[in-house]
Amino acid sequence: MTTFPVIASILSEEELGDFIKIRYRLSENFECKLFRTGLNHTYIISNPTKKYVVRVYCHNWRTKIEIQEELNLLRLLQENNLSVSFPISDKNFNYIQEINAPEGTRYAVLFAFAEGEKMRFMSNDTCFAIGSLVSEIHSITKNKSINRTNYNSEQLLINSYKQLTQFFSEELPEMKYLKEIGNEISKTFQKINQSDFQKGIVHLDIWYDNFSVKDESEITIFDFDNCGNGLLILDVGYFCKQLFFIESEKKIYESKVQSFLTGYQQRSQLTDEEISLIPEAGASIFIFYLGVQAQRFDWSNIFLTENYLKMFVGRIKSWIDYYKLNRD
């Protein structure tokens, strides 16, 4: 019987573990376990005293050059003593492994484990510490660029909307709203005075699921898979938007976002123009990730339905409306 082709496989924990142990000269008592699947697959390889993370990139999700650029950025941040989950080289000093999976070549990278815990409900002190670390990262990435995506209005908004039209009718109220708000935000981006905005390499996915917290204020950021080039305020806006949906009581939200911004501005001052763009920055990245879910629905969101679209767009609208009301 002919083996049927696949578009996405899940690698065997045991075989991947043996592969990593050989390539990285790890002892036999290390055990590899699948942690989660998604746009990439994450495994934890550990023994009683040490843990590492293995990321296996999905086929045709990232090119080898894109991965190399991500790892170069992480090594730069590590060299500057910033708390990030950094890549580890194998016994031959290679950082990227090539795996011949059923669907084609997949790449794997071993990362340092981020000690601590995920913290959805953060204290003001933790928000301050996160802001401080993001600012430290931006101080290194400011005015730099990498050979990866440029996060402009076309990439964040226009292309994302096009991805969604493959699944949803443009006559749906939610699609009409996305098109309208996307056009409004695009015009805002076009109108801004570029000299008032810091630019550089952005993480683009800073939220509680992508950092570990230890002792309230020791933060380690990881998952730079979506890093690219853009306005640094994008990272600030996205974290604020995530915090907005964590904290249902908006007075608490305002207090925590102020702690985050205060921590950020300990090192890097934000202009009034940058702060005023936070609502558009946060919304544009949410729209971008909705587009990613359409682009890779089979890996990232099997619940991509009209009900899901309504819920997701409702979140974007509530964020935009909140800031519109406060501006009036």
C-alpha atoms as a PDB file:
ATOM      1  CA  MET A   1       0.000   0.000   0.000  1.00  0.00           C
ATOM      2  CA  THR A   2       1.308   3.463  -0.934  1.00  0.00           C
ATOM      3  CA  THR A   3       1.919   5.777   2.015  1.00  0.00           C
ATOM      4  CA  PHE A   4      -0.418   8.763   1.784  1.00  0.00           C
ATOM      5  CA  PRO A   5       1.316  12.200   1.850  1.00  0.00           C
ATOM      6  CA  VAL A   6       0.815  14.492   4.845  1.00  0.00           C
ATOM      7  CA  ILE A   7       0.923  18.274   5.305  1.00  0.00           C
ATOM      8  CA  ALA A   8       1.809  18.269   9.021  1.00  0.00           C
ATOM      9  CA  SER A   9       3.248  15.526  11.197  1.00  0.00           C
ATOM     10  CA  ILE A  10       3.977  15.234  14.922  1.00  0.00           C
ATOM     11  CA  LEU A  11       7.456  13.901  15.532  1.00  0.00           C
ATOM     12  CA  SER A  12       7.929  10.991  17.908  1.00  0.00           C
ATOM     13  CA  GLU A  13       8.997  12.158  21.375  1.00  0.00           C
ATOM     14  CA  GLU A  14      11.336   9.197  21.765  1.00  0.00           C
ATOM     15  CA  GLU A  15      13.016   9.535  18.371  1.00  0.00           C
ATOM     16  CA  LEU A  16      13.365  13.316  18.689  1.00  0.00           C
ATOM     17  CA  GLY A  17      14.799  12.881  22.163  1.00  0.00           C
ATOM     18  CA  ASP A  18      17.406  10.398  20.921  1.00  0.00           C
ATOM     19  CA  PHE A  19      18.256  12.746  18.047  1.00  0.00           C
ATOM     20  CA  ILE A  20      18.753  15.723  20.390  1.00  0.00           C
ATOM     21  CA  LYS A  21      20.741  13.715  22.946  1.00  0.00           C
ATOM     22  CA  ILE A  22      23.191  12.630  20.273  1.00  0.00           C
ATOM     23  CA  ARG A  23      23.521  16.041  18.592  1.00  0.00           C
ATOM     24  CA  TYR A  24      23.942  17.921  21.880  1.00  0.00           C
ATOM     25  CA  ARG A  25      25.807  15.264  23.854  1.00  0.00           C
ATOM     26  CA  LEU A  26      23.146  15.065  26.532  1.00  0.00           C
ATOM     27  CA  SER A  27      23.201  12.169  28.967  1.00  0.00           C
ATOM     28  CA  GLU A  28      20.894   9.197  28.523  1.00  0.00           C
ATOM     29  CA  ASN A  29      18.705  10.179  31.481  1.00  0.00           C
ATOM     30  CA  PHE A  30      17.179  13.082  29.517  1.00  0.00           C
ATOM     31  CA  GLU A  31      13.561  12.473  28.505  1.00  0.00           C
ATOM     32  CA  CYS A  32      11.713  14.265  25.708  1.00  0.00           C
ATOM     33  CA  LYS A  33       7.990  15.113  25.970  1.00  0.00           C
ATOM     34  CA  LEU A  34       5.672  16.951  23.596  1.00  0.00           C
ATOM     35  CA  PHE A  35       4.506  20.176  25.265  1.00  0.00           C
ATOM     36  CA  ARG A  36       2.225  21.681  22.611  1.00  0.00           C
ATOM     37  CA  THR A  37       1.467  21.820  18.900  1.00  0.00           C
ATOM     38  CA  GLY A  38       0.530  24.902  16.884  1.00  0.00           C
ATOM     39  CA  LEU A  39       2.317  27.046  14.335  1.00  0.00           C
ATOM     40  CA  ASN A  40       5.407  25.282  15.654  1.00  0.00           C
ATOM     41  CA  HIS A  41       5.698  22.224  17.883  1.00  0.00           C
ATOM     42  CA  THR A  42       7.301  22.535  21.301  1.00  0.00           C
ATOM     43  CA  TYR A  43       8.957  19.737  23.256  1.00  0.00           C
ATOM     44  CA  ILE A  44      10.556  19.750  26.698  1.00  0.00           C
ATOM     45  CA  ILE A  45      13.690  17.639  27.095  1.00  0.00           C
ATOM     46  CA  SER A  46      14.778  17.255  30.711  1.00  0.00           C
ATOM     47  CA  ASN A  47      16.341  15.223  33.470  1.00  0.00           C
ATOM     48  CA  PRO A  48      15.833  15.688  37.235  1.00  0.00           C
ATOM     49  CA  THR A  49      18.130  18.731  37.333  1.00  0.00           C
ATOM     50  CA  LYS A  50      18.037  20.398  33.890  1.00  0.00           C
ATOM     51  CA  LYS A  51      15.460  21.430  31.268  1.00  0.00           C
ATOM     52  CA  TYR A  52      15.657  22.582  27.679  1.00  0.00           C
ATOM     53  CA  VAL A  53      13.038  23.508  25.088  1.00  0.00           C
ATOM     54  CA  VAL A  54      13.056  22.038  21.589  1.00  0.00           C
ATOM     55  CA  ARG A  55      11.135  23.999  18.976  1.00  0.00           C
ATOM     56  CA  VAL A  56      10.336  22.100  15.789  1.00  0.00           C
ATOM     57  CA  TYR A  57       9.243  24.554  13.102  1.00  0.00           C
ATOM     58  CA  CYS A  58       6.401  23.418  10.896  1.00  0.00           C
ATOM     59  CA  HIS A  59       7.177  22.667   7.263  1.00  0.00           C
ATOM     60  CA  ASN A  60       7.205  25.806   5.087  1.00  0.00           C
ATOM     61  CA  TRP A  61       6.424  28.105   8.027  1.00  0.00           C
ATOM     62  CA  ARG A  62       9.870  29.706   8.329  1.00  0.00           C
ATOM     63  CA  THR A  63      12.815  29.605   5.953  1.00  0.00           C
ATOM     64  CA  LYS A  64      16.206  28.668   7.303  1.00  0.00           C
ATOM     65  CA  ILE A  65      17.342  32.269   6.773  1.00  0.00           C
ATOM     66  CA  GLU A  66      14.397  33.595   8.798  1.00  0.00           C
ATOM     67  CA  ILE A  67      15.203  31.212  11.639  1.00  0.00           C
ATOM     68  CA  GLN A  68      18.863  32.176  11.518  1.00  0.00           C
ATOM     69  CA  GLU A  69      17.892  35.847  11.783  1.00  0.00           C
ATOM     70  CA  GLU A  70      15.746  35.092  14.832  1.00  0.00           C
ATOM     71  CA  LEU A  71      18.602  33.218  16.482  1.00  0.00           C
ATOM     72  CA  ASN A  72      21.117  35.964  15.668  1.00  0.00           C
ATOM     73  CA  LEU A  73      18.826  38.434  17.412  1.00  0.00           C
ATOM     74  CA  LEU A  74      18.532  36.201  20.481  1.00  0.00           C
ATOM     75  CA  ARG A  75      22.288  35.758  20.652  1.00  0.00           C
ATOM     76  CA  LEU A  76      22.728  39.543  20.459  1.00  0.00           C
ATOM     77  CA  LEU A  77      20.315  40.011  23.351  1.00  0.00           C
ATOM     78  CA  GLN A  78      22.035  37.252  25.333  1.00  0.00           C
ATOM     79  CA  GLU A  79      25.421  38.897  24.762  1.00  0.00           C
ATOM     80  CA  ASN A  80      23.962  42.051  26.282  1.00  0.00           C
ATOM     81  CA  ASN A  81      22.866  40.097  29.384  1.00  0.00           C
ATOM     82  CA  LEU A  82      19.148  40.412  28.694  1.00  0.00           C
ATOM     83  CA  SER A  83      16.826  37.776  30.082  1.00  0.00           C
ATOM     84  CA  VAL A  84      15.646  35.832  27.031  1.00  0.00           C
ATOM     85  CA  SER A  85      15.437  32.161  26.151  1.00  0.00           C
ATOM     86  CA  PHE A  86      18.511  31.826  23.941  1.00  0.00           C
ATOM     87  CA  PRO A  87      19.499  29.156  21.380  1.00  0.00           C
ATOM     88  CA  ILE A  88      22.098  26.499  22.198  1.00  0.00           C
ATOM     89  CA  SER A  89      24.585  25.122  19.697  1.00  0.00           C
ATOM     90  CA  ASP A  90      25.199  21.400  19.169  1.00  0.00           C
ATOM     91  CA  LYS A  91      28.484  19.530  19.421  1.00  0.00           C
ATOM     92  CA  ASN A  92      29.466  20.857  15.964  1.00  0.00           C
ATOM     93  CA  PHE A  93      28.504  24.454  16.864  1.00  0.00           C
ATOM     94  CA  ASN A  94      25.346  24.380  14.747  1.00  0.00           C
ATOM     95  CA  TYR A  95      22.173  26.040  16.026  1.00  0.00           C
ATOM     96  CA  ILE A  96      19.673  24.716  13.479  1.00  0.00           C
ATOM     97  CA  GLN A  97      18.949  21.032  12.926  1.00  0.00           C
ATOM     98  CA  GLU A  98      17.328  19.726   9.740  1.00  0.00           C
ATOM     99  CA  ILE A  99      14.835  16.886  10.105  1.00  0.00           C
ATOM    100  CA  ASN A 100      13.495  14.862   7.196  1.00  0.00           C
ATOM    101  CA  ALA A 101       9.812  14.674   8.178  1.00  0.00           C
ATOM    102  CA  PRO A 102       7.088  12.978   6.063  1.00  0.00           C
ATOM    103  CA  GLU A 103       5.902  16.357   4.701  1.00  0.00           C
ATOM    104  CA  GLY A 104       9.426  17.594   3.952  1.00  0.00           C
ATOM    105  CA  THR A 105      12.279  19.347   5.734  1.00  0.00           C
ATOM    106  CA  ARG A 106      11.568  20.713   9.181  1.00  0.00           C
ATOM    107  CA  TYR A 107      13.959  22.687  11.331  1.00  0.00           C
ATOM    108  CA  ALA A 108      14.612  22.216  15.037  1.00  0.00           C
ATOM    109  CA  VAL A 109      16.352  24.454  17.581  1.00  0.00           C
ATOM    110  CA  LEU A 110      17.300  23.791  21.208  1.00  0.00           C
ATOM    111  CA  PHE A 111      16.617  26.719  23.563  1.00  0.00           C
ATOM    112  CA  ALA A 112      17.463  27.444  27.181  1.00  0.00           C
ATOM    113  CA  PHE A 113      14.494  26.878  29.483  1.00  0.00           C
ATOM    114  CA  ALA A 114      12.864  30.040  30.889  1.00  0.00           C
ATOM    115  CA  GLU A 115      12.719  29.506  34.645  1.00  0.00           C
ATOM    116  CA  GLY A 116       9.636  30.714  36.486  1.00  0.00           C
ATOM    117  CA  GLU A 117       5.911  30.478  35.864  1.00  0.00           C
ATOM    118  CA  LYS A 118       3.375  31.950  33.511  1.00  0.00           C
ATOM    119  CA  MET A 119       1.407  34.670  35.242  1.00  0.00           C
ATOM    120  CA  ARG A 120      -1.862  35.818  33.690  1.00  0.00           C
ATOM    121  CA  PHE A 121      -2.921  38.107  36.537  1.00  0.00           C
ATOM    122  CA  MET A 122       0.161  40.223  37.084  1.00  0.00           C
ATOM    123  CA  SER A 123       0.897  42.622  39.903  1.00  0.00           C
ATOM    124  CA  ASN A 124       1.843  46.234  39.248  1.00  0.00           C
ATOM    125  CA  ASP A 125       5.439  45.368  40.135  1.00  0.00           C
ATOM    126  CA  THR A 126       5.453  42.577  37.557  1.00  0.00           C
ATOM    127  CA  CYS A 127       4.010  44.903  34.901  1.00  0.00           C
ATOM    128  CA  PHE A 128       6.738  47.417  35.755  1.00  0.00           C
ATOM    129  CA  ALA A 129       9.418  44.720  35.389  1.00  0.00           C
ATOM    130  CA  ILE A 130       8.013  43.573  32.032  1.00  0.00           C
ATOM    131  CA  GLY A 131       8.005  47.144  30.759  1.00  0.00           C
ATOM    132  CA  SER A 132      11.595  47.590  31.905  1.00  0.00           C
ATOM    133  CA  LEU A 133      12.762  44.415  30.130  1.00  0.00           C
ATOM    134  CA  VAL A 134      10.912  45.270  26.901  1.00  0.00           C
ATOM    135  CA  SER A 135      12.562  48.684  26.978  1.00  0.00           C
ATOM    136  CA  GLU A 136      15.987  47.097  27.502  1.00  0.00           C
ATOM    137  CA  ILE A 137      15.382  44.855  24.494  1.00  0.00           C
ATOM    138  CA  HIS A 138      14.294  47.852  22.413  1.00  0.00           C
ATOM    139  CA  SER A 139      17.396  49.768  23.468  1.00  0.00           C
ATOM    140  CA  ILE A 140      19.427  47.050  21.716  1.00  0.00           C
ATOM    141  CA  THR A 141      17.143  46.591  18.687  1.00  0.00           C
ATOM    142  CA  LYS A 142      16.419  50.292  18.070  1.00  0.00           C
ATOM    143  CA  ASN A 143      17.488  51.433  14.580  1.00  0.00           C
ATOM    144  CA  LYS A 144      18.504  47.888  13.674  1.00  0.00           C
ATOM    145  CA  SER A 145      16.864  45.607  11.115  1.00  0.00           C
ATOM    146  CA  ILE A 146      16.865  41.929  10.247  1.00  0.00           C
ATOM    147  CA  ASN A 147      16.111  39.961   7.109  1.00  0.00           C
ATOM    148  CA  ARG A 148      12.531  39.260   8.095  1.00  0.00           C
ATOM    149  CA  THR A 149       9.035  40.724   7.775  1.00  0.00           C
ATOM    150  CA  ASN A 150       8.491  44.492   7.771  1.00  0.00           C
ATOM    151  CA  TYR A 151       5.441  45.105   9.956  1.00  0.00           C
ATOM    152  CA  ASN A 152       3.707  47.971   8.193  1.00  0.00           C
ATOM    153  CA  SER A 153       0.006  48.614   7.611  1.00  0.00           C
ATOM    154  CA  GLU A 154      -0.003  46.491   4.450  1.00  0.00           C
ATOM    155  CA  GLN A 155       1.402  43.459   6.253  1.00  0.00           C
ATOM    156  CA  LEU A 156      -0.560  43.893   9.488  1.00  0.00           C
ATOM    157  CA  LEU A 157      -3.920  44.955   8.090  1.00  0.00           C
ATOM    158  CA  ILE A 158      -4.404  44.643   4.332  1.00  0.00           C
ATOM    159  CA  ASN A 159      -2.794  41.231   3.862  1.00  0.00           C
ATOM    160  CA  SER A 160      -4.531  39.901   6.976  1.00  0.00           C
ATOM    161  CA  TYR A 161      -7.928  40.958   5.668  1.00  0.00           C
ATOM    162  CA  LYS A 162      -7.195  39.221   2.359  1.00  0.00           C
ATOM    163  CA  GLN A 163      -6.385  36.001   4.225  1.00  0.00           C
ATOM    164  CA  LEU A 164      -9.745  36.170   5.987  1.00  0.00           C
ATOM    165  CA  THR A 165     -11.681  36.555   2.719  1.00  0.00           C
ATOM    166  CA  GLN A 166     -10.768  32.928   1.937  1.00  0.00           C
ATOM    167  CA  PHE A 167     -13.027  31.853   4.807  1.00  0.00           C
ATOM    168  CA  PHE A 168     -15.594  34.581   5.344  1.00  0.00           C
ATOM    169  CA  SER A 169     -17.973  36.595   3.207  1.00  0.00           C
ATOM    170  CA  GLU A 170     -17.079  40.262   2.955  1.00  0.00           C
ATOM    171  CA  GLU A 171     -20.753  40.977   3.588  1.00  0.00           C
ATOM    172  CA  LEU A 172     -20.518  39.817   7.195  1.00  0.00           C
ATOM    173  CA  PRO A 173     -20.760  42.750   9.645  1.00  0.00           C
ATOM    174  CA  GLU A 174     -17.494  41.641  11.263  1.00  0.00           C
ATOM    175  CA  MET A 175     -15.662  41.645   7.921  1.00  0.00           C
ATOM    176  CA  LYS A 176     -17.055  45.067   7.077  1.00  0.00           C
ATOM    177  CA  TYR A 177     -15.834  46.327  10.454  1.00  0.00           C
ATOM    178  CA  LEU A 178     -12.351  44.858   9.916  1.00  0.00           C
ATOM    179  CA  LYS A 179     -12.115  46.490   6.505  1.00  0.00           C
ATOM    180  CA  GLU A 180     -13.311  49.843   7.856  1.00  0.00           C
ATOM    181  CA  ILE A 181     -11.089  49.899  10.941  1.00  0.00           C
ATOM    182  CA  GLY A 182      -8.154  48.572   8.903  1.00  0.00           C
ATOM    183  CA  ASN A 183      -8.499  51.474   6.478  1.00  0.00           C
ATOM    184  CA  GLU A 184      -8.741  53.952   9.355  1.00  0.00           C
ATOM    185  CA  ILE A 185      -5.628  52.588  11.064  1.00  0.00           C
ATOM    186  CA  SER A 186      -3.720  52.480   7.761  1.00  0.00           C
ATOM    187  CA  LYS A 187      -4.493  56.169   7.211  1.00  0.00           C
ATOM    188  CA  THR A 188      -3.319  56.935  10.742  1.00  0.00           C
ATOM    189  CA  PHE A 189      -0.025  55.104  10.113  1.00  0.00           C
ATOM    190  CA  GLN A 190       0.426  57.037   6.862  1.00  0.00           C
ATOM    191  CA  LYS A 191      -0.199  60.394   8.532  1.00  0.00           C
ATOM    192  CA  ILE A 192       2.254  60.041  11.416  1.00  0.00           C
ATOM    193  CA  ASN A 193       5.522  61.918  11.440  1.00  0.00           C
ATOM    194  CA  GLN A 194       8.055  59.088  11.236  1.00  0.00           C
ATOM    195  CA  SER A 195      10.678  61.142  13.105  1.00  0.00           C
ATOM    196  CA  ASP A 196       8.468  61.035  16.217  1.00  0.00           C
ATOM    197  CA  PHE A 197       8.526  57.226  16.345  1.00  0.00           C
ATOM    198  CA  GLN A 198      11.275  54.803  17.347  1.00  0.00           C
ATOM    199  CA  LYS A 199      11.852  51.998  14.859  1.00  0.00           C
ATOM    200  CA  GLY A 200      13.810  48.774  14.972  1.00  0.00           C
ATOM    201  CA  ILE A 201      13.379  45.054  15.546  1.00  0.00           C
ATOM    202  CA  VAL A 202      10.171  44.081  17.330  1.00  0.00           C
ATOM    203  CA  HIS A 203       9.115  40.880  19.110  1.00  0.00           C
ATOM    204  CA  LEU A 204       5.441  41.360  18.111  1.00  0.00           C
ATOM    205  CA  ASP A 205       4.027  38.760  20.514  1.00  0.00           C
ATOM    206  CA  ILE A 206       4.715  39.978  24.053  1.00  0.00           C
ATOM    207  CA  TRP A 207       1.994  38.642  26.336  1.00  0.00           C
ATOM    208  CA  TYR A 208       1.798  36.475  29.428  1.00  0.00           C
ATOM    209  CA  ASP A 209       2.074  33.206  27.478  1.00  0.00           C
ATOM    210  CA  ASN A 210       5.498  34.229  26.144  1.00  0.00           C
ATOM    211  CA  PHE A 211       7.342  35.124  29.327  1.00  0.00           C
ATOM    212  CA  SER A 212       8.112  33.449  32.628  1.00  0.00           C
ATOM    213  CA  VAL A 213       7.979  35.233  35.971  1.00  0.00           C
ATOM    214  CA  LYS A 214      10.094  34.394  38.989  1.00  0.00           C
ATOM    215  CA  ASP A 215       9.777  36.176  42.346  1.00  0.00           C
ATOM    216  CA  GLU A 216       7.315  38.751  40.926  1.00  0.00           C
ATOM    217  CA  SER A 217       9.916  40.784  39.027  1.00  0.00           C
ATOM    218  CA  GLU A 218      12.397  38.423  37.345  1.00  0.00           C
ATOM    219  CA  ILE A 219      11.117  38.173  33.780  1.00  0.00           C
ATOM    220  CA  THR A 220      12.363  35.968  30.935  1.00  0.00           C
ATOM    221  CA  ILE A 221      10.893  36.573  27.490  1.00  0.00           C
ATOM    222  CA  PHE A 222      10.791  33.837  24.853  1.00  0.00           C
ATOM    223  CA  ASP A 223       9.190  32.868  21.519  1.00  0.00           C
ATOM    224  CA  PHE A 224      10.642  35.411  19.088  1.00  0.00           C
ATOM    225  CA  ASP A 225       9.168  33.431  16.176  1.00  0.00           C
ATOM    226  CA  ASN A 226       7.314  36.505  14.858  1.00  0.00           C
ATOM    227  CA  CYS A 227      10.126  39.013  15.271  1.00  0.00           C
ATOM    228  CA  GLY A 228      10.587  41.485  12.447  1.00  0.00           C
ATOM    229  CA  ASN A 229      11.018  45.160  11.664  1.00  0.00           C
ATOM    230  CA  GLY A 230       8.631  47.923  12.633  1.00  0.00           C
ATOM    231  CA  LEU A 231       7.671  50.698  15.021  1.00  0.00           C
ATOM    232  CA  LEU A 232       8.748  49.794  18.554  1.00  0.00           C
ATOM    233  CA  ILE A 233       5.389  51.028  19.861  1.00  0.00           C
ATOM    234  CA  LEU A 234       3.850  47.904  18.302  1.00  0.00           C
ATOM    235  CA  ASP A 235       5.265  45.786  21.136  1.00  0.00           C
ATOM    236  CA  VAL A 236       4.001  48.282  23.717  1.00  0.00           C
ATOM    237  CA  GLY A 237       0.528  48.452  22.170  1.00  0.00           C
ATOM    238  CA  TYR A 238       0.136  44.688  21.935  1.00  0.00           C
ATOM    239  CA  PHE A 239       1.045  44.090  25.583  1.00  0.00           C
ATOM    240  CA  CYS A 240      -1.401  46.823  26.654  1.00  0.00           C
ATOM    241  CA  LYS A 241      -4.143  45.247  24.557  1.00  0.00           C
ATOM    242  CA  GLN A 242      -3.552  41.830  26.100  1.00  0.00           C
ATOM    243  CA  LEU A 243      -3.623  43.392  29.566  1.00  0.00           C
ATOM    244  CA  PHE A 244      -6.904  45.092  28.638  1.00  0.00           C
ATOM    245  CA  PHE A 245      -8.621  41.716  28.218  1.00  0.00           C
ATOM    246  CA  ILE A 246      -7.072  40.194  31.301  1.00  0.00           C
ATOM    247  CA  GLU A 247      -8.342  42.958  33.583  1.00  0.00           C
ATOM    248  CA  SER A 248     -12.124  43.332  33.375  1.00  0.00           C
ATOM    249  CA  GLU A 249     -12.011  46.171  35.911  1.00  0.00           C
ATOM    250  CA  LYS A 250     -10.635  49.025  33.820  1.00  0.00           C
ATOM    251  CA  LYS A 251      -9.358  51.044  36.777  1.00  0.00           C
ATOM    252  CA  ILE A 252      -7.083  48.118  37.567  1.00  0.00           C
ATOM    253  CA  TYR A 253      -6.128  47.920  33.876  1.00  0.00           C
ATOM    254  CA  GLU A 254      -5.220  51.619  33.823  1.00  0.00           C
ATOM    255  CA  SER A 255      -3.107  51.202  36.946  1.00  0.00           C
ATOM    256  CA  LYS A 256      -1.221  48.205  35.580  1.00  0.00           C
ATOM    257  CA  VAL A 257      -0.686  49.660  32.122  1.00  0.00           C
ATOM    258  CA  GLN A 258       0.697  52.781  33.787  1.00  0.00           C
ATOM    259  CA  SER A 259       3.118  50.589  35.765  1.00  0.00           C
ATOM    260  CA  PHE A 260       4.170  48.896  32.522  1.00  0.00           C
ATOM    261  CA  LEU A 261       4.704  52.246  30.773  1.00  0.00           C
ATOM    262  CA  THR A 262       6.593  53.647  33.761  1.00  0.00           C
ATOM    263  CA  GLY A 263       8.900  50.620  33.721  1.00  0.00           C
ATOM    264  CA  TYR A 264       9.396  51.002  29.992  1.00  0.00           C
ATOM    265  CA  GLN A 265      10.238  54.689  30.272  1.00  0.00           C
ATOM    266  CA  GLN A 266      12.909  54.137  32.895  1.00  0.00           C
ATOM    267  CA  ARG A 267      15.225  53.511  29.956  1.00  0.00           C
ATOM    268  CA  SER A 268      13.440  54.712  26.829  1.00  0.00           C
ATOM    269  CA  GLN A 269      11.151  57.732  26.827  1.00  0.00           C
ATOM    270  CA  LEU A 270       7.996  57.463  24.748  1.00  0.00           C
ATOM    271  CA  THR A 271       6.819  60.548  22.887  1.00  0.00           C
ATOM    272  CA  ASP A 272       3.252  61.769  23.207  1.00  0.00           C
ATOM    273  CA  GLU A 273       2.764  60.738  19.579  1.00  0.00           C
ATOM    274  CA  GLU A 274       3.890  57.187  20.343  1.00  0.00           C
ATOM    275  CA  ILE A 275       1.621  56.879  23.364  1.00  0.00           C
ATOM    276  CA  SER A 276      -1.323  58.179  21.342  1.00  0.00           C
ATOM    277  CA  LEU A 277      -0.773  55.364  18.802  1.00  0.00           C
ATOM    278  CA  ILE A 278      -1.108  52.557  21.389  1.00  0.00           C
ATOM    279  CA  PRO A 279      -4.772  51.804  20.498  1.00  0.00           C
ATOM    280  CA  GLU A 280      -4.017  51.484  16.772  1.00  0.00           C
ATOM    281  CA  ALA A 281      -0.818  49.522  17.433  1.00  0.00           C
ATOM    282  CA  GLY A 282      -2.602  46.984  19.634  1.00  0.00           C
ATOM    283  CA  ALA A 283      -5.562  46.596  17.271  1.00  0.00           C
ATOM    284  CA  SER A 284      -3.375  46.181  14.191  1.00  0.00           C
ATOM    285  CA  ILE A 285      -1.487  43.258  15.718  1.00  0.00           C
ATOM    286  CA  PHE A 286      -4.723  41.589  16.823  1.00  0.00           C
ATOM    287  CA  ILE A 287      -5.968  41.869  13.230  1.00  0.00           C
ATOM    288  CA  PHE A 288      -2.628  40.494  12.034  1.00  0.00           C
ATOM    289  CA  TYR A 289      -2.937  37.407  14.235  1.00  0.00           C
ATOM    290  CA  LEU A 290      -6.490  36.839  13.072  1.00  0.00           C
ATOM    291  CA  GLY A 291      -5.021  36.792   9.559  1.00  0.00           C
ATOM    292  CA  VAL A 292      -2.345  34.308  10.661  1.00  0.00           C
ATOM    293  CA  GLN A 293      -5.067  32.026  12.001  1.00  0.00           C
ATOM    294  CA  ALA A 294      -6.714  32.120   8.575  1.00  0.00           C
ATOM    295  CA  GLN A 295      -3.414  31.567   6.814  1.00  0.00           C
ATOM    296  CA  ARG A 296      -2.572  28.558   8.988  1.00  0.00           C
ATOM    297  CA  PHE A 297      -5.988  27.524  10.256  1.00  0.00           C
ATOM    298  CA  ASP A 298      -5.078  23.827  10.230  1.00  0.00           C
ATOM    299  CA  TRP A 299      -2.241  24.439  12.688  1.00  0.00           C
ATOM    300  CA  SER A 300      -3.332  27.371  14.802  1.00  0.00           C
ATOM    301  CA  ASN A 301      -7.117  27.467  15.158  1.00  0.00           C
ATOM    302  CA  ILE A 302      -9.476  24.662  14.198  1.00  0.00           C
ATOM    303  CA  PHE A 303     -12.334  26.783  15.576  1.00  0.00           C
ATOM    304  CA  LEU A 304     -12.079  29.407  12.802  1.00  0.00           C
ATOM    305  CA  THR A 305     -15.822  29.889  12.336  1.00  0.00           C
ATOM    306  CA  GLU A 306     -18.224  32.821  12.045  1.00  0.00           C
ATOM    307  CA  ASN A 307     -18.867  32.602  15.793  1.00  0.00           C
ATOM    308  CA  TYR A 308     -15.130  32.791  16.477  1.00  0.00           C
ATOM    309  CA  LEU A 309     -14.785  35.741  14.092  1.00  0.00           C
ATOM    310  CA  LYS A 310     -17.619  37.538  15.898  1.00  0.00           C
ATOM    311  CA  MET A 311     -15.949  36.971  19.275  1.00  0.00           C
ATOM    312  CA  PHE A 312     -12.502  38.035  18.080  1.00  0.00           C
ATOM    313  CA  VAL A 313     -13.718  41.141  16.247  1.00  0.00           C
ATOM    314  CA  GLY A 314     -15.839  42.004  19.282  1.00  0.00           C
ATOM    315  CA  ARG A 315     -12.644  42.165  21.324  1.00  0.00           C
ATOM    316  CA  ILE A 316     -10.990  44.456  18.807  1.00  0.00           C
ATOM    317  CA  LYS A 317     -14.060  46.701  18.755  1.00  0.00           C
ATOM    318  CA  SER A 318     -14.287  46.938  22.554  1.00  0.00           C
ATOM    319  CA  TRP A 319     -10.612  47.991  22.685  1.00  0.00           C
ATOM    320  CA  ILE A 320     -11.045  50.615  19.982  1.00  0.00           C
ATOM    321  CA  ASP A 321     -14.285  51.911  21.495  1.00  0.00           C
ATOM    322  CA  TYR A 322     -12.703  52.180  24.946  1.00  0.00           C
ATOM    323  CA  TYR A 323      -9.989  54.482  23.656  1.00  0.00           C
ATOM    324  CA  LYS A 324     -12.343  56.443  21.418  1.00  0.00           C
ATOM    325  CA  LEU A 325     -14.530  57.208  24.418  1.00  0.00           C
ATOM    326  CA  ASN A 326     -11.515  58.257  26.496  1.00  0.00           C
ATOM    327  CA  ARG A 327     -10.274  60.507  23.702  1.00  0.00           C
ATOM    328  CA  ASP A 328     -13.605  62.297  23.309  1.00  0.00           C
END
